[in-house]
Amino acid sequence: MSDGPPDEEDLEAFVPSWDQNVADAAVGKTILAGVTYFESGGQTLRSQEQYHGIIVSVDPKVGVHVRCAGAHAGETICLPPHTRVFTRASPGNYTLRSTGEIVTDPDFFTTWSVTPPVKN
């Protein structure tokens, strides 16, 4: 561990990346998103959810809106505007552990961990 400030390469993982070409190409595509929710402090797992649906809009300031299908049909979720973590999915069937649904050939997948700030 270095005593100095982190270098630019270390900080790169924390800076949201936005590739407008990737974002524009994602609209209308299917996505599988896993979200893990932790309690404040990040030590205690609160819940895990898996969503799938169609990417309906993208905005570098607002995020990526997904119109959900399946168990979450009727919901729209907003994922952070960080296109680097939207990975092309390999063809095949994906079974959602949280619902048992089978999603076939999604275009993208992404995973997120959400930890609320510690209240003082």
Protein backbone atom coordinates (compact mmCIF):
# COMPACT_ATOMS: atom_id res chain seq x y z
CA MET A 1 0.00 0.00 0.00
CA SER A 2 1.39 3.36 -1.03
CA ASP A 3 1.65 6.30 1.35
CA GLY A 4 1.08 8.78 -1.48
CA PRO A 5 -2.12 9.72 -3.23
CA PRO A 6 -3.61 7.16 -5.62
CA ASP A 7 -2.41 7.47 -9.17
CA GLU A 8 -4.71 8.23 -12.07
CA GLU A 9 -4.97 4.57 -13.10
CA ASP A 10 -6.24 3.59 -9.62
CA LEU A 11 -8.91 6.29 -9.73
CA GLU A 12 -10.09 5.35 -13.22
CA ALA A 13 -12.33 2.57 -11.86
CA PHE A 14 -14.28 5.10 -9.79
CA VAL A 15 -14.88 7.63 -12.55
CA PRO A 16 -18.07 6.90 -14.47
CA SER A 17 -17.28 6.17 -18.09
CA TRP A 18 -19.70 7.05 -20.83
CA ASP A 19 -19.30 5.96 -24.40
CA GLN A 20 -22.09 7.60 -26.39
CA ASN A 21 -21.71 5.12 -29.26
CA VAL A 22 -22.18 2.17 -26.89
CA ALA A 23 -25.09 3.93 -25.19
CA ASP A 24 -26.86 4.75 -28.45
CA ALA A 25 -26.42 1.18 -29.72
CA ALA A 26 -27.88 -0.19 -26.47
CA VAL A 27 -31.31 1.42 -26.87
CA GLY A 28 -33.84 -1.26 -27.76
CA LYS A 29 -31.52 -4.07 -26.67
CA THR A 30 -32.20 -6.57 -23.90
CA ILE A 31 -30.30 -6.53 -20.64
CA LEU A 32 -29.97 -8.72 -17.58
CA ALA A 33 -29.08 -6.73 -14.45
CA GLY A 34 -28.12 -8.04 -11.02
CA VAL A 35 -28.29 -5.64 -8.09
CA THR A 36 -27.02 -6.48 -4.60
CA TYR A 37 -28.27 -4.22 -1.82
CA PHE A 38 -26.26 -3.82 1.39
CA GLU A 39 -27.07 -2.08 4.67
CA SER A 40 -25.21 1.14 5.51
CA GLY A 41 -21.54 0.39 6.03
CA GLY A 42 -21.57 -2.32 3.37
CA GLN A 43 -21.10 -5.29 5.69
CA THR A 44 -24.62 -6.74 5.86
CA LEU A 45 -26.39 -8.08 2.79
CA ARG A 46 -29.95 -6.77 2.61
CA SER A 47 -31.19 -8.34 -0.63
CA GLN A 48 -30.33 -9.36 -4.15
CA GLU A 49 -32.54 -8.66 -7.15
CA GLN A 50 -32.25 -9.64 -10.77
CA TYR A 51 -34.01 -7.69 -13.49
CA HIS A 52 -34.35 -8.15 -17.22
CA GLY A 53 -35.92 -6.04 -19.89
CA ILE A 54 -35.41 -3.56 -22.72
CA ILE A 55 -33.15 -0.52 -22.54
CA VAL A 56 -35.54 2.33 -23.37
CA SER A 57 -33.36 5.41 -22.87
CA VAL A 58 -29.79 6.41 -22.12
CA ASP A 59 -28.46 9.68 -20.74
CA PRO A 60 -24.94 10.45 -19.47
CA LYS A 61 -26.34 12.50 -16.56
CA VAL A 62 -29.43 10.48 -15.64
CA GLY A 63 -28.48 6.90 -16.45
CA VAL A 64 -29.79 3.90 -18.35
CA HIS A 65 -33.53 3.26 -18.10
CA VAL A 66 -34.72 -0.33 -18.44
CA ARG A 67 -38.38 -1.29 -18.92
CA CYS A 68 -38.56 -4.55 -17.00
CA ALA A 69 -40.17 -7.79 -18.13
CA GLY A 70 -41.10 -10.96 -16.27
CA ALA A 71 -41.50 -10.78 -12.49
CA HIS A 72 -40.76 -7.03 -12.52
CA ALA A 73 -43.01 -6.24 -15.52
CA GLY A 74 -44.45 -2.74 -15.26
CA GLU A 75 -41.39 -1.40 -13.45
CA THR A 76 -38.70 0.81 -14.93
CA ILE A 77 -35.31 0.79 -13.28
CA CYS A 78 -32.53 3.30 -13.75
CA LEU A 79 -28.96 2.04 -13.80
CA PRO A 80 -25.96 4.34 -13.32
CA PRO A 81 -24.48 6.04 -16.40
CA HIS A 82 -21.39 3.87 -16.58
CA THR A 83 -21.26 2.08 -19.94
CA ARG A 84 -17.97 0.33 -19.18
CA VAL A 85 -19.77 -2.25 -17.02
CA PHE A 86 -22.40 -3.14 -19.62
CA THR A 87 -20.93 -6.38 -20.92
CA ARG A 88 -22.04 -8.19 -24.06
CA ALA A 89 -23.77 -11.40 -22.98
CA SER A 90 -22.88 -14.73 -24.54
CA PRO A 91 -25.80 -16.44 -26.30
CA GLY A 92 -27.71 -18.90 -24.16
CA ASN A 93 -30.24 -19.32 -21.38
CA TYR A 94 -29.74 -17.47 -18.10
CA THR A 95 -31.71 -18.59 -15.05
CA LEU A 96 -32.49 -15.83 -12.57
CA ARG A 97 -31.86 -17.17 -9.08
CA SER A 98 -34.21 -14.63 -7.51
CA THR A 99 -37.27 -15.61 -9.59
CA GLY A 100 -36.46 -18.83 -11.45
CA GLU A 101 -37.19 -17.12 -14.77
CA ILE A 102 -35.17 -18.13 -17.81
CA VAL A 103 -33.91 -15.29 -20.00
CA THR A 104 -32.76 -16.35 -23.45
CA ASP A 105 -30.01 -14.53 -25.35
CA PRO A 106 -29.90 -11.14 -23.63
CA ASP A 107 -27.72 -8.59 -25.42
CA PHE A 108 -26.02 -7.25 -22.28
CA PHE A 109 -25.55 -8.02 -18.62
CA THR A 110 -24.39 -5.87 -15.74
CA THR A 111 -24.04 -6.18 -11.97
CA TRP A 112 -24.15 -3.50 -9.30
CA SER A 113 -23.72 -3.26 -5.53
CA VAL A 114 -25.72 -0.58 -3.73
CA THR A 115 -24.75 0.64 -0.27
CA PRO A 116 -26.53 3.65 1.25
CA PRO A 117 -24.37 6.18 3.09
CA VAL A 118 -23.85 5.73 6.82
CA LYS A 119 -26.21 7.99 8.77
CA ASN A 120 -24.56 10.15 11.41
